PDB file of N, CA and C in Angstrom:
ATOM      1  N   MET A   1     -15.155 -13.199   3.270  1.00  0.00           N
ATOM      2  CA  MET A   1     -14.736 -12.800   4.601  1.00  0.00           C
ATOM      3  C   MET A   1     -14.473 -11.300   4.604  1.00  0.00           C
ATOM      4  N   PHE A   2     -14.801 -10.652   5.695  1.00  0.00           N
ATOM      5  CA  PHE A   2     -14.626  -9.216   5.811  1.00  0.00           C
ATOM      6  C   PHE A   2     -13.597  -8.919   6.883  1.00  0.00           C
ATOM      7  N   LEU A   3     -12.595  -8.133   6.546  1.00  0.00           N
ATOM      8  CA  LEU A   3     -11.636  -7.648   7.534  1.00  0.00           C
ATOM      9  C   LEU A   3     -11.862  -6.160   7.715  1.00  0.00           C
ATOM     10  N   SER A   4     -11.783  -5.707   8.942  1.00  0.00           N
ATOM     11  CA  SER A   4     -11.935  -4.285   9.225  1.00  0.00           C
ATOM     12  C   SER A   4     -10.769  -3.516   8.621  1.00  0.00           C
ATOM     13  N   HIS A   5     -10.942  -2.184   8.551  1.00  0.00           N
ATOM     14  CA  HIS A   5      -9.848  -1.329   8.070  1.00  0.00           C
ATOM     15  C   HIS A   5      -8.568  -1.622   8.835  1.00  0.00           C
ATOM     16  N   ASP A   6      -8.687  -1.635  10.162  1.00  0.00           N
ATOM     17  CA  ASP A   6      -7.503  -1.806  11.007  1.00  0.00           C
ATOM     18  C   ASP A   6      -6.776  -3.110  10.706  1.00  0.00           C
ATOM     19  N   LYS A   7      -7.529  -4.185  10.527  1.00  0.00           N
ATOM     20  CA  LYS A   7      -6.899  -5.478  10.274  1.00  0.00           C
ATOM     21  C   LYS A   7      -6.274  -5.538   8.883  1.00  0.00           C
ATOM     22  N   LYS A   8      -6.923  -4.932   7.892  1.00  0.00           N
ATOM     23  CA  LYS A   8      -6.335  -4.880   6.542  1.00  0.00           C
ATOM     24  C   LYS A   8      -5.037  -4.084   6.561  1.00  0.00           C
ATOM     25  N   ILE A   9      -5.093  -2.928   7.205  1.00  0.00           N
ATOM     26  CA  ILE A   9      -3.898  -2.076   7.268  1.00  0.00           C
ATOM     27  C   ILE A   9      -2.770  -2.801   7.990  1.00  0.00           C
ATOM     28  N   SER A  10      -3.077  -3.398   9.138  1.00  0.00           N
ATOM     29  CA  SER A  10      -2.053  -4.111   9.909  1.00  0.00           C
ATOM     30  C   SER A  10      -1.448  -5.263   9.113  1.00  0.00           C
ATOM     31  N   LEU A  11      -2.306  -6.018   8.433  1.00  0.00           N
ATOM     32  CA  LEU A  11      -1.819  -7.145   7.638  1.00  0.00           C
ATOM     33  C   LEU A  11      -0.939  -6.658   6.496  1.00  0.00           C
ATOM     34  N   GLY A  12      -1.404  -5.664   5.740  1.00  0.00           N
ATOM     35  CA  GLY A  12      -0.608  -5.131   4.639  1.00  0.00           C
ATOM     36  C   GLY A  12       0.728  -4.578   5.107  1.00  0.00           C
ATOM     37  N   TYR A  13       0.707  -3.860   6.212  1.00  0.00           N
ATOM     38  CA  TYR A  13       1.908  -3.259   6.784  1.00  0.00           C
ATOM     39  C   TYR A  13       2.904  -4.349   7.186  1.00  0.00           C
ATOM     40  N   LYS A  14       2.404  -5.362   7.908  1.00  0.00           N
ATOM     41  CA  LYS A  14       3.254  -6.463   8.378  1.00  0.00           C
ATOM     42  C   LYS A  14       3.880  -7.206   7.199  1.00  0.00           C
ATOM     43  N   LEU A  15       3.084  -7.490   6.191  1.00  0.00           N
ATOM     44  CA  LEU A  15       3.582  -8.214   5.022  1.00  0.00           C
ATOM     45  C   LEU A  15       4.642  -7.412   4.278  1.00  0.00           C
ATOM     46  N   ALA A  16       4.411  -6.118   4.129  1.00  0.00           N
ATOM     47  CA  ALA A  16       5.397  -5.261   3.457  1.00  0.00           C
ATOM     48  C   ALA A  16       6.716  -5.267   4.228  1.00  0.00           C
ATOM     49  N   LEU A  17       6.632  -5.161   5.550  1.00  0.00           N
ATOM     50  CA  LEU A  17       7.844  -5.177   6.370  1.00  0.00           C
ATOM     51  C   LEU A  17       8.590  -6.501   6.247  1.00  0.00           C
ATOM     52  N   GLU A  18       7.842  -7.598   6.146  1.00  0.00           N
ATOM     53  CA  GLU A  18       8.482  -8.909   5.996  1.00  0.00           C
ATOM     54  C   GLU A  18       9.309  -8.995   4.721  1.00  0.00           C
ATOM     55  N   LYS A  19       8.919  -8.237   3.707  1.00  0.00           N
ATOM     56  CA  LYS A  19       9.669  -8.203   2.444  1.00  0.00           C
ATOM     57  C   LYS A  19      10.643  -7.028   2.397  1.00  0.00           C
ATOM     58  N   LYS A  20      10.913  -6.480   3.577  1.00  0.00           N
ATOM     59  CA  LYS A  20      11.918  -5.404   3.738  1.00  0.00           C
ATOM     60  C   LYS A  20      11.525  -4.084   3.080  1.00  0.00           C
ATOM     61  N   ALA A  21      10.221  -3.835   2.961  1.00  0.00           N
ATOM     62  CA  ALA A  21       9.776  -2.510   2.503  1.00  0.00           C
ATOM     63  C   ALA A  21      10.211  -1.492   3.542  1.00  0.00           C
ATOM     64  N   TYR A  22      10.399  -0.270   3.113  1.00  0.00           N
ATOM     65  CA  TYR A  22      10.805   0.780   4.048  1.00  0.00           C
ATOM     66  C   TYR A  22      10.022   2.053   3.760  1.00  0.00           C
ATOM     67  N   ASP A  23      10.178   3.017   4.664  1.00  0.00           N
ATOM     68  CA  ASP A  23       9.452   4.295   4.591  1.00  0.00           C
ATOM     69  C   ASP A  23       7.945   4.057   4.469  1.00  0.00           C
ATOM     70  N   LEU A  24       7.423   3.161   5.284  1.00  0.00           N
ATOM     71  CA  LEU A  24       5.989   2.879   5.268  1.00  0.00           C
ATOM     72  C   LEU A  24       5.228   4.011   5.948  1.00  0.00           C
ATOM     73  N   ILE A  25       4.147   4.378   5.328  1.00  0.00           N
ATOM     74  CA  ILE A  25       3.280   5.418   5.885  1.00  0.00           C
ATOM     75  C   ILE A  25       1.841   5.089   5.471  1.00  0.00           C
ATOM     76  N   VAL A  26       0.916   5.370   6.370  1.00  0.00           N
ATOM     77  CA  VAL A  26      -0.496   5.151   6.080  1.00  0.00           C
ATOM     78  C   VAL A  26      -1.222   6.470   6.340  1.00  0.00           C
ATOM     79  N   PHE A  27      -1.970   6.914   5.338  1.00  0.00           N
ATOM     80  CA  PHE A  27      -2.772   8.129   5.456  1.00  0.00           C
ATOM     81  C   PHE A  27      -4.240   7.763   5.623  1.00  0.00           C
ATOM     82  N   ASP A  28      -4.906   8.442   6.534  1.00  0.00           N
ATOM     83  CA  ASP A  28      -6.348   8.294   6.738  1.00  0.00           C
ATOM     84  C   ASP A  28      -7.028   9.356   5.877  1.00  0.00           C
ATOM     85  N   LEU A  29      -7.651   8.934   4.802  1.00  0.00           N
ATOM     86  CA  LEU A  29      -8.238   9.858   3.838  1.00  0.00           C
ATOM     87  C   LEU A  29      -9.744  10.036   4.024  1.00  0.00           C
ATOM     88  N   ARG A  30     -10.306   9.415   5.062  1.00  0.00           N
ATOM     89  CA  ARG A  30     -11.742   9.571   5.293  1.00  0.00           C
ATOM     90  C   ARG A  30     -12.036  11.048   5.522  1.00  0.00           C
ATOM     91  N   GLY A  31     -12.968  11.553   4.763  1.00  0.00           N
ATOM     92  CA  GLY A  31     -13.303  12.970   4.836  1.00  0.00           C
ATOM     93  C   GLY A  31     -12.483  13.842   3.903  1.00  0.00           C
ATOM     94  N   TYR A  32     -11.476  13.263   3.259  1.00  0.00           N
ATOM     95  CA  TYR A  32     -10.623  14.013   2.341  1.00  0.00           C
ATOM     96  C   TYR A  32     -10.747  13.530   0.902  1.00  0.00           C
ATOM     97  N   SER A  33     -11.165  12.281   0.721  1.00  0.00           N
ATOM     98  CA  SER A  33     -11.202  11.693  -0.608  1.00  0.00           C
ATOM     99  C   SER A  33     -12.426  10.801  -0.740  1.00  0.00           C
ATOM    100  N   TYR A  34     -13.031  10.825  -1.900  1.00  0.00           N
ATOM    101  CA  TYR A  34     -14.147   9.920  -2.170  1.00  0.00           C
ATOM    102  C   TYR A  34     -13.659   8.619  -2.817  1.00  0.00           C
ATOM    103  N   ILE A  35     -12.391   8.533  -3.141  1.00  0.00           N
ATOM    104  CA  ILE A  35     -11.830   7.379  -3.837  1.00  0.00           C
ATOM    105  C   ILE A  35     -11.606   6.199  -2.891  1.00  0.00           C
ATOM    106  N   THR A  36     -11.068   6.468  -1.714  1.00  0.00           N
ATOM    107  CA  THR A  36     -10.714   5.418  -0.763  1.00  0.00           C
ATOM    108  C   THR A  36     -10.668   5.997   0.639  1.00  0.00           C
ATOM    109  N   ASP A  37     -10.555   5.133   1.620  1.00  0.00           N
ATOM    110  CA  ASP A  37     -10.448   5.581   3.009  1.00  0.00           C
ATOM    111  C   ASP A  37      -9.001   5.713   3.473  1.00  0.00           C
ATOM    112  N   PHE A  38      -8.129   4.844   2.945  1.00  0.00           N
ATOM    113  CA  PHE A  38      -6.738   4.829   3.398  1.00  0.00           C
ATOM    114  C   PHE A  38      -5.788   4.594   2.230  1.00  0.00           C
ATOM    115  N   PHE A  39      -4.609   5.233   2.312  1.00  0.00           N
ATOM    116  CA  PHE A  39      -3.479   4.955   1.434  1.00  0.00           C
ATOM    117  C   PHE A  39      -2.384   4.358   2.292  1.00  0.00           C
ATOM    118  N   MET A  40      -1.810   3.251   1.860  1.00  0.00           N
ATOM    119  CA  MET A  40      -0.577   2.761   2.445  1.00  0.00           C
ATOM    120  C   MET A  40       0.497   2.940   1.385  1.00  0.00           C
ATOM    121  N   ILE A  41       1.604   3.539   1.756  1.00  0.00           N
ATOM    122  CA  ILE A  41       2.697   3.810   0.832  1.00  0.00           C
ATOM    123  C   ILE A  41       3.968   3.194   1.405  1.00  0.00           C
ATOM    124  N   CYS A  42       4.724   2.514   0.541  1.00  0.00           N
ATOM    125  CA  CYS A  42       6.007   1.968   0.965  1.00  0.00           C
ATOM    126  C   CYS A  42       6.954   1.940  -0.227  1.00  0.00           C
ATOM    127  N   SER A  43       8.207   1.641   0.045  1.00  0.00           N
ATOM    128  CA  SER A  43       9.233   1.631  -0.999  1.00  0.00           C
ATOM    129  C   SER A  43      10.037   0.350  -0.975  1.00  0.00           C
ATOM    130  N   GLY A  44      10.599   0.052  -2.152  1.00  0.00           N
ATOM    131  CA  GLY A  44      11.559  -1.028  -2.311  1.00  0.00           C
ATOM    132  C   GLY A  44      12.754  -0.516  -3.089  1.00  0.00           C
ATOM    133  N   ASN A  45      13.873  -1.209  -2.973  1.00  0.00           N
ATOM    134  CA  ASN A  45      15.117  -0.778  -3.621  1.00  0.00           C
ATOM    135  C   ASN A  45      15.232  -1.180  -5.083  1.00  0.00           C
ATOM    136  N   SER A  46      14.442  -2.167  -5.500  1.00  0.00           N
ATOM    137  CA  SER A  46      14.561  -2.674  -6.861  1.00  0.00           C
ATOM    138  C   SER A  46      13.180  -3.083  -7.371  1.00  0.00           C
ATOM    139  N   THR A  47      13.078  -3.259  -8.678  1.00  0.00           N
ATOM    140  CA  THR A  47      11.804  -3.704  -9.229  1.00  0.00           C
ATOM    141  C   THR A  47      11.478  -5.109  -8.718  1.00  0.00           C
ATOM    142  N   ARG A  48      12.476  -5.906  -8.521  1.00  0.00           N
ATOM    143  CA  ARG A  48      12.262  -7.258  -7.984  1.00  0.00           C
ATOM    144  C   ARG A  48      11.652  -7.196  -6.578  1.00  0.00           C
ATOM    145  N   GLN A  49      12.188  -6.324  -5.745  1.00  0.00           N
ATOM    146  CA  GLN A  49      11.659  -6.184  -4.388  1.00  0.00           C
ATOM    147  C   GLN A  49      10.255  -5.590  -4.404  1.00  0.00           C
ATOM    148  N   VAL A  50      10.020  -4.593  -5.244  1.00  0.00           N
ATOM    149  CA  VAL A  50       8.688  -3.983  -5.358  1.00  0.00           C
ATOM    150  C   VAL A  50       7.664  -5.047  -5.737  1.00  0.00           C
ATOM    151  N   ARG A  51       7.994  -5.860  -6.710  1.00  0.00           N
ATOM    152  CA  ARG A  51       7.088  -6.925  -7.144  1.00  0.00           C
ATOM    153  C   ARG A  51       6.900  -7.971  -6.040  1.00  0.00           C
ATOM    154  N   ALA A  52       7.950  -8.296  -5.312  1.00  0.00           N
ATOM    155  CA  ALA A  52       7.852  -9.281  -4.224  1.00  0.00           C
ATOM    156  C   ALA A  52       6.921  -8.773  -3.117  1.00  0.00           C
ATOM    157  N   ILE A  53       6.989  -7.490  -2.813  1.00  0.00           N
ATOM    158  CA  ILE A  53       6.099  -6.900  -1.807  1.00  0.00           C
ATOM    159  C   ILE A  53       4.650  -7.018  -2.275  1.00  0.00           C
ATOM    160  N   ALA A  54       4.410  -6.664  -3.524  1.00  0.00           N
ATOM    161  CA  ALA A  54       3.054  -6.760  -4.077  1.00  0.00           C
ATOM    162  C   ALA A  54       2.568  -8.204  -4.071  1.00  0.00           C
ATOM    163  N   ASP A  55       3.436  -9.127  -4.467  1.00  0.00           N
ATOM    164  CA  ASP A  55       3.050 -10.543  -4.544  1.00  0.00           C
ATOM    165  C   ASP A  55       2.602 -11.080  -3.190  1.00  0.00           C
ATOM    166  N   VAL A  56       3.366 -10.809  -2.150  1.00  0.00           N
ATOM    167  CA  VAL A  56       3.020 -11.358  -0.835  1.00  0.00           C
ATOM    168  C   VAL A  56       1.733 -10.734  -0.313  1.00  0.00           C
ATOM    169  N   ILE A  57       1.542  -9.452  -0.552  1.00  0.00           N
ATOM    170  CA  ILE A  57       0.307  -8.798  -0.108  1.00  0.00           C
ATOM    171  C   ILE A  57      -0.891  -9.389  -0.839  1.00  0.00           C
ATOM    172  N   MET A  58      -0.812  -9.497  -2.162  1.00  0.00           N
ATOM    173  CA  MET A  58      -1.939 -10.036  -2.925  1.00  0.00           C
ATOM    174  C   MET A  58      -2.231 -11.488  -2.540  1.00  0.00           C
ATOM    175  N   GLU A  59      -1.184 -12.272  -2.345  1.00  0.00           N
ATOM    176  CA  GLU A  59      -1.361 -13.680  -1.998  1.00  0.00           C
ATOM    177  C   GLU A  59      -2.023 -13.841  -0.623  1.00  0.00           C
ATOM    178  N   GLU A  60      -1.534 -13.126   0.362  1.00  0.00           N
ATOM    179  CA  GLU A  60      -2.068 -13.271   1.722  1.00  0.00           C
ATOM    180  C   GLU A  60      -3.463 -12.656   1.851  1.00  0.00           C
ATOM    181  N   PHE A  61      -3.705 -11.542   1.176  1.00  0.00           N
ATOM    182  CA  PHE A  61      -5.052 -10.969   1.196  1.00  0.00           C
ATOM    183  C   PHE A  61      -6.036 -11.944   0.543  1.00  0.00           C
ATOM    184  N   LYS A  62      -5.612 -12.578  -0.534  1.00  0.00           N
ATOM    185  CA  LYS A  62      -6.474 -13.542  -1.216  1.00  0.00           C
ATOM    186  C   LYS A  62      -6.825 -14.695  -0.282  1.00  0.00           C
ATOM    187  N   LYS A  63      -5.848 -15.162   0.503  1.00  0.00           N
ATOM    188  CA  LYS A  63      -6.105 -16.221   1.481  1.00  0.00           C
ATOM    189  C   LYS A  63      -7.153 -15.803   2.508  1.00  0.00           C
ATOM    190  N   GLU A  64      -7.215 -14.499   2.768  1.00  0.00           N
ATOM    191  CA  GLU A  64      -8.198 -13.957   3.715  1.00  0.00           C
ATOM    192  C   GLU A  64      -9.540 -13.671   3.029  1.00  0.00           C
ATOM    193  N   GLY A  65      -9.603 -13.974   1.732  1.00  0.00           N
ATOM    194  CA  GLY A  65     -10.841 -13.744   0.986  1.00  0.00           C
ATOM    195  C   GLY A  65     -10.994 -12.328   0.484  1.00  0.00           C
ATOM    196  N   ILE A  66      -9.901 -11.583   0.470  1.00  0.00           N
ATOM    197  CA  ILE A  66      -9.926 -10.186   0.040  1.00  0.00           C
ATOM    198  C   ILE A  66      -9.333 -10.100  -1.358  1.00  0.00           C
ATOM    199  N   ARG A  67     -10.132  -9.704  -2.307  1.00  0.00           N
ATOM    200  CA  ARG A  67      -9.696  -9.581  -3.701  1.00  0.00           C
ATOM    201  C   ARG A  67      -9.505  -8.106  -4.043  1.00  0.00           C
ATOM    202  N   TYR A  68      -8.478  -7.838  -4.810  1.00  0.00           N
ATOM    203  CA  TYR A  68      -8.269  -6.449  -5.212  1.00  0.00           C
ATOM    204  C   TYR A  68      -9.254  -6.061  -6.307  1.00  0.00           C
ATOM    205  N   GLN A  69      -9.566  -4.771  -6.333  1.00  0.00           N
ATOM    206  CA  GLN A  69     -10.477  -4.210  -7.327  1.00  0.00           C
ATOM    207  C   GLN A  69      -9.720  -3.776  -8.577  1.00  0.00           C
ATOM    208  N   GLY A  70      -8.454  -3.441  -8.392  1.00  0.00           N
ATOM    209  CA  GLY A  70      -7.635  -2.991  -9.509  1.00  0.00           C
ATOM    210  C   GLY A  70      -6.166  -3.169  -9.192  1.00  0.00           C
ATOM    211  N   LEU A  71      -5.380  -3.342 -10.235  1.00  0.00           N
ATOM    212  CA  LEU A  71      -3.942  -3.510 -10.111  1.00  0.00           C
ATOM    213  C   LEU A  71      -3.299  -2.755 -11.259  1.00  0.00           C
ATOM    214  N   GLU A  72      -2.376  -1.880 -10.925  1.00  0.00           N
ATOM    215  CA  GLU A  72      -1.673  -1.080 -11.942  1.00  0.00           C
ATOM    216  C   GLU A  72      -0.177  -1.156 -11.714  1.00  0.00           C
ATOM    217  N   GLY A  73       0.588  -1.141 -12.794  1.00  0.00           N
ATOM    218  CA  GLY A  73       2.035  -1.011 -12.723  1.00  0.00           C
ATOM    219  C   GLY A  73       2.811  -2.263 -12.409  1.00  0.00           C
ATOM    220  N   TYR A  74       2.148  -3.412 -12.362  1.00  0.00           N
ATOM    221  CA  TYR A  74       2.839  -4.639 -11.972  1.00  0.00           C
ATOM    222  C   TYR A  74       3.943  -5.011 -12.967  1.00  0.00           C
ATOM    223  N   ASP A  75       3.692  -4.842 -14.247  1.00  0.00           N
ATOM    224  CA  ASP A  75       4.666  -5.250 -15.261  1.00  0.00           C
ATOM    225  C   ASP A  75       5.991  -4.503 -15.148  1.00  0.00           C
ATOM    226  N   THR A  76       5.935  -3.198 -14.931  1.00  0.00           N
ATOM    227  CA  THR A  76       7.170  -2.418 -14.843  1.00  0.00           C
ATOM    228  C   THR A  76       7.716  -2.367 -13.420  1.00  0.00           C
ATOM    229  N   ALA A  77       6.863  -2.525 -12.429  1.00  0.00           N
ATOM    230  CA  ALA A  77       7.241  -2.565 -11.010  1.00  0.00           C
ATOM    231  C   ALA A  77       8.018  -1.331 -10.558  1.00  0.00           C
ATOM    232  N   ARG A  78       7.670  -0.193 -11.120  1.00  0.00           N
ATOM    233  CA  ARG A  78       8.242   1.068 -10.644  1.00  0.00           C
ATOM    234  C   ARG A  78       7.291   1.716  -9.635  1.00  0.00           C
ATOM    235  N   TRP A  79       6.003   1.516  -9.840  1.00  0.00           N
ATOM    236  CA  TRP A  79       4.962   1.986  -8.931  1.00  0.00           C
ATOM    237  C   TRP A  79       3.788   1.028  -9.097  1.00  0.00           C
ATOM    238  N   ILE A  80       3.633   0.139  -8.150  1.00  0.00           N
ATOM    239  CA  ILE A  80       2.510  -0.799  -8.181  1.00  0.00           C
ATOM    240  C   ILE A  80       1.422  -0.260  -7.268  1.00  0.00           C
ATOM    241  N   LEU A  81       0.228  -0.190  -7.813  1.00  0.00           N
ATOM    242  CA  LEU A  81      -0.936   0.256  -7.057  1.00  0.00           C
ATOM    243  C   LEU A  81      -1.903  -0.916  -6.978  1.00  0.00           C
ATOM    244  N   ILE A  82      -2.265  -1.290  -5.744  1.00  0.00           N
ATOM    245  CA  ILE A  82      -3.238  -2.364  -5.528  1.00  0.00           C
ATOM    246  C   ILE A  82      -4.439  -1.733  -4.832  1.00  0.00           C
ATOM    247  N   ASP A  83      -5.578  -1.795  -5.493  1.00  0.00           N
ATOM    248  CA  ASP A  83      -6.799  -1.156  -4.992  1.00  0.00           C
ATOM    249  C   ASP A  83      -7.682  -2.189  -4.298  1.00  0.00           C
ATOM    250  N   TYR A  84      -7.779  -2.055  -2.979  1.00  0.00           N
ATOM    251  CA  TYR A  84      -8.663  -2.913  -2.187  1.00  0.00           C
ATOM    252  C   TYR A  84      -9.898  -2.135  -1.744  1.00  0.00           C
ATOM    253  N   ASP A  85     -10.334  -1.210  -2.562  1.00  0.00           N
ATOM    254  CA  ASP A  85     -11.521  -0.393  -2.329  1.00  0.00           C
ATOM    255  C   ASP A  85     -11.309   0.602  -1.196  1.00  0.00           C
ATOM    256  N   ASP A  86     -11.370   0.177   0.045  1.00  0.00           N
ATOM    257  CA  ASP A  86     -11.209   1.103   1.168  1.00  0.00           C
ATOM    258  C   ASP A  86      -9.743   1.319   1.538  1.00  0.00           C
ATOM    259  N   LEU A  87      -8.847   0.530   0.959  1.00  0.00           N
ATOM    260  CA  LEU A  87      -7.404   0.649   1.177  1.00  0.00           C
ATOM    261  C   LEU A  87      -6.709   0.532  -0.173  1.00  0.00           C
ATOM    262  N   ILE A  88      -5.955   1.560  -0.519  1.00  0.00           N
ATOM    263  CA  ILE A  88      -5.135   1.501  -1.732  1.00  0.00           C
ATOM    264  C   ILE A  88      -3.680   1.449  -1.303  1.00  0.00           C
ATOM    265  N   ILE A  89      -2.991   0.431  -1.795  1.00  0.00           N
ATOM    266  CA  ILE A  89      -1.587   0.224  -1.436  1.00  0.00           C
ATOM    267  C   ILE A  89      -0.714   0.659  -2.608  1.00  0.00           C
ATOM    268  N   HIS A  90       0.207   1.576  -2.319  1.00  0.00           N
ATOM    269  CA  HIS A  90       1.176   2.065  -3.304  1.00  0.00           C
ATOM    270  C   HIS A  90       2.538   1.500  -2.931  1.00  0.00           C
ATOM    271  N   ILE A  91       3.135   0.766  -3.845  1.00  0.00           N
ATOM    272  CA  ILE A  91       4.465   0.200  -3.620  1.00  0.00           C
ATOM    273  C   ILE A  91       5.381   0.799  -4.678  1.00  0.00           C
ATOM    274  N   PHE A  92       6.308   1.610  -4.216  1.00  0.00           N
ATOM    275  CA  PHE A  92       7.157   2.379  -5.119  1.00  0.00           C
ATOM    276  C   PHE A  92       8.580   1.846  -5.174  1.00  0.00           C
ATOM    277  N   HIS A  93       9.175   1.944  -6.352  1.00  0.00           N
ATOM    278  CA  HIS A  93      10.622   1.891  -6.458  1.00  0.00           C
ATOM    279  C   HIS A  93      11.091   3.220  -5.865  1.00  0.00           C
ATOM    280  N   GLU A  94      12.166   3.189  -5.138  1.00  0.00           N
ATOM    281  CA  GLU A  94      12.651   4.364  -4.405  1.00  0.00           C
ATOM    282  C   GLU A  94      12.712   5.633  -5.274  1.00  0.00           C
ATOM    283  N   GLU A  95      13.295   5.543  -6.463  1.00  0.00           N
ATOM    284  CA  GLU A  95      13.443   6.721  -7.325  1.00  0.00           C
ATOM    285  C   GLU A  95      12.089   7.258  -7.793  1.00  0.00           C
ATOM    286  N   THR A  96      11.186   6.361  -8.114  1.00  0.00           N
ATOM    287  CA  THR A  96       9.862   6.764  -8.590  1.00  0.00           C
ATOM    288  C   THR A  96       9.091   7.461  -7.479  1.00  0.00           C
ATOM    289  N   ARG A  97       9.232   6.977  -6.265  1.00  0.00           N
ATOM    290  CA  ARG A  97       8.551   7.617  -5.132  1.00  0.00           C
ATOM    291  C   ARG A  97       9.051   9.050  -4.941  1.00  0.00           C
ATOM    292  N   ARG A  98      10.343   9.234  -5.029  1.00  0.00           N
ATOM    293  CA  ARG A  98      10.897  10.598  -4.901  1.00  0.00           C
ATOM    294  C   ARG A  98      10.376  11.497  -6.014  1.00  0.00           C
ATOM    295  N   PHE A  99      10.299  10.976  -7.237  1.00  0.00           N
ATOM    296  CA  PHE A  99       9.863  11.773  -8.372  1.00  0.00           C
ATOM    297  C   PHE A  99       8.415  12.231  -8.212  1.00  0.00           C
ATOM    298  N   TYR A 100       7.498  11.318  -7.876  1.00  0.00           N
ATOM    299  CA  TYR A 100       6.073  11.664  -7.793  1.00  0.00           C
ATOM    300  C   TYR A 100       5.689  12.316  -6.470  1.00  0.00           C
ATOM    301  N   ASP A 101       6.395  12.002  -5.411  1.00  0.00           N
ATOM    302  CA  ASP A 101       6.226  12.648  -4.105  1.00  0.00           C
ATOM    303  C   ASP A 101       4.747  12.785  -3.706  1.00  0.00           C
ATOM    304  N   ILE A 102       4.009  11.674  -3.753  1.00  0.00           N
ATOM    305  CA  ILE A 102       2.575  11.774  -3.455  1.00  0.00           C
ATOM    306  C   ILE A 102       2.306  12.100  -1.989  1.00  0.00           C
ATOM    307  N   GLU A 103       3.286  11.895  -1.117  1.00  0.00           N
ATOM    308  CA  GLU A 103       3.105  12.309   0.277  1.00  0.00           C
ATOM    309  C   GLU A 103       2.855  13.810   0.386  1.00  0.00           C
ATOM    310  N   ARG A 104       3.456  14.568  -0.508  1.00  0.00           N
ATOM    311  CA  ARG A 104       3.255  16.023  -0.490  1.00  0.00           C
ATOM    312  C   ARG A 104       1.789  16.355  -0.747  1.00  0.00           C
ATOM    313  N   LEU A 105       1.141  15.588  -1.624  1.00  0.00           N
ATOM    314  CA  LEU A 105      -0.265  15.838  -1.945  1.00  0.00           C
ATOM    315  C   LEU A 105      -1.189  15.524  -0.771  1.00  0.00           C
ATOM    316  N   TRP A 106      -0.839  14.514   0.016  1.00  0.00           N
ATOM    317  CA  TRP A 106      -1.713  14.057   1.098  1.00  0.00           C
ATOM    318  C   TRP A 106      -1.146  14.370   2.475  1.00  0.00           C
ATOM    319  N   GLY A 107      -0.084  15.142   2.538  1.00  0.00           N
ATOM    320  CA  GLY A 107       0.618  15.409   3.788  1.00  0.00           C
ATOM    321  C   GLY A 107      -0.199  16.082   4.861  1.00  0.00           C
ATOM    322  N   SER A 108      -1.287  16.753   4.497  1.00  0.00           N
ATOM    323  CA  SER A 108      -2.104  17.423   5.517  1.00  0.00           C
ATOM    324  C   SER A 108      -3.162  16.490   6.111  1.00  0.00           C
ATOM    325  N   THR A 109      -3.266  15.274   5.582  1.00  0.00           N
ATOM    326  CA  THR A 109      -4.239  14.328   6.122  1.00  0.00           C
ATOM    327  C   THR A 109      -3.637  13.581   7.311  1.00  0.00           C
ATOM    328  N   PRO A 110      -4.475  13.051   8.186  1.00  0.00           N
ATOM    329  CA  PRO A 110      -3.946  12.338   9.357  1.00  0.00           C
ATOM    330  C   PRO A 110      -3.183  11.076   8.942  1.00  0.00           C
ATOM    331  N   LYS A 111      -2.144  10.801   9.699  1.00  0.00           N
ATOM    332  CA  LYS A 111      -1.376   9.572   9.505  1.00  0.00           C
ATOM    333  C   LYS A 111      -1.863   8.548  10.529  1.00  0.00           C
ATOM    334  N   VAL A 112      -1.818   7.295  10.137  1.00  0.00           N
ATOM    335  CA  VAL A 112      -2.259   6.203  10.994  1.00  0.00           C
ATOM    336  C   VAL A 112      -1.018   5.537  11.604  1.00  0.00           C
ATOM    337  N   GLU A 113      -1.011   5.430  12.916  1.00  0.00           N
ATOM    338  CA  GLU A 113       0.040   4.681  13.601  1.00  0.00           C
ATOM    339  C   GLU A 113      -0.325   3.208  13.536  1.00  0.00           C
ATOM    340  N   VAL A 114       0.554   2.401  12.984  1.00  0.00           N
ATOM    341  CA  VAL A 114       0.269   0.984  12.820  1.00  0.00           C
ATOM    342  C   VAL A 114       1.101   0.206  13.832  1.00  0.00           C
ATOM    343  N   PRO A 115       0.424  -0.432  14.791  1.00  0.00           N
ATOM    344  CA  PRO A 115       1.184  -1.254  15.755  1.00  0.00           C
ATOM    345  C   PRO A 115       1.692  -2.522  15.065  1.00  0.00           C
ATOM    346  N   ILE A 116       2.940  -2.832  15.290  1.00  0.00           N
ATOM    347  CA  ILE A 116       3.496  -4.043  14.670  1.00  0.00           C
ATOM    348  C   ILE A 116       3.952  -5.021  15.728  1.00  0.00           C
TER     349      ILE A 116
END
């Protein structure tokens, strides 16, 4: 099954919010990066919450027939990266997000408003 960018982003965003993720932001990287089209970034307060956010996203995307291409950081749950090819989801522990500050690297790219 194929979901459009918009539907993947909306689903990922909604699922993250259901697990109480905060500081959600989506960057439109089309024309800026050859790696992916979109980054979704969010935070959790604990490694348990970070892992729970990742779990629900992976589970629900799988139900939609969407398999990730890569998964990094799940064991430590300080920064989980789920690569869905055209959408890469970054789920950070709050402290790790502040340390790496990847928004600074992509801050000049357009942000996507996600209707919820």
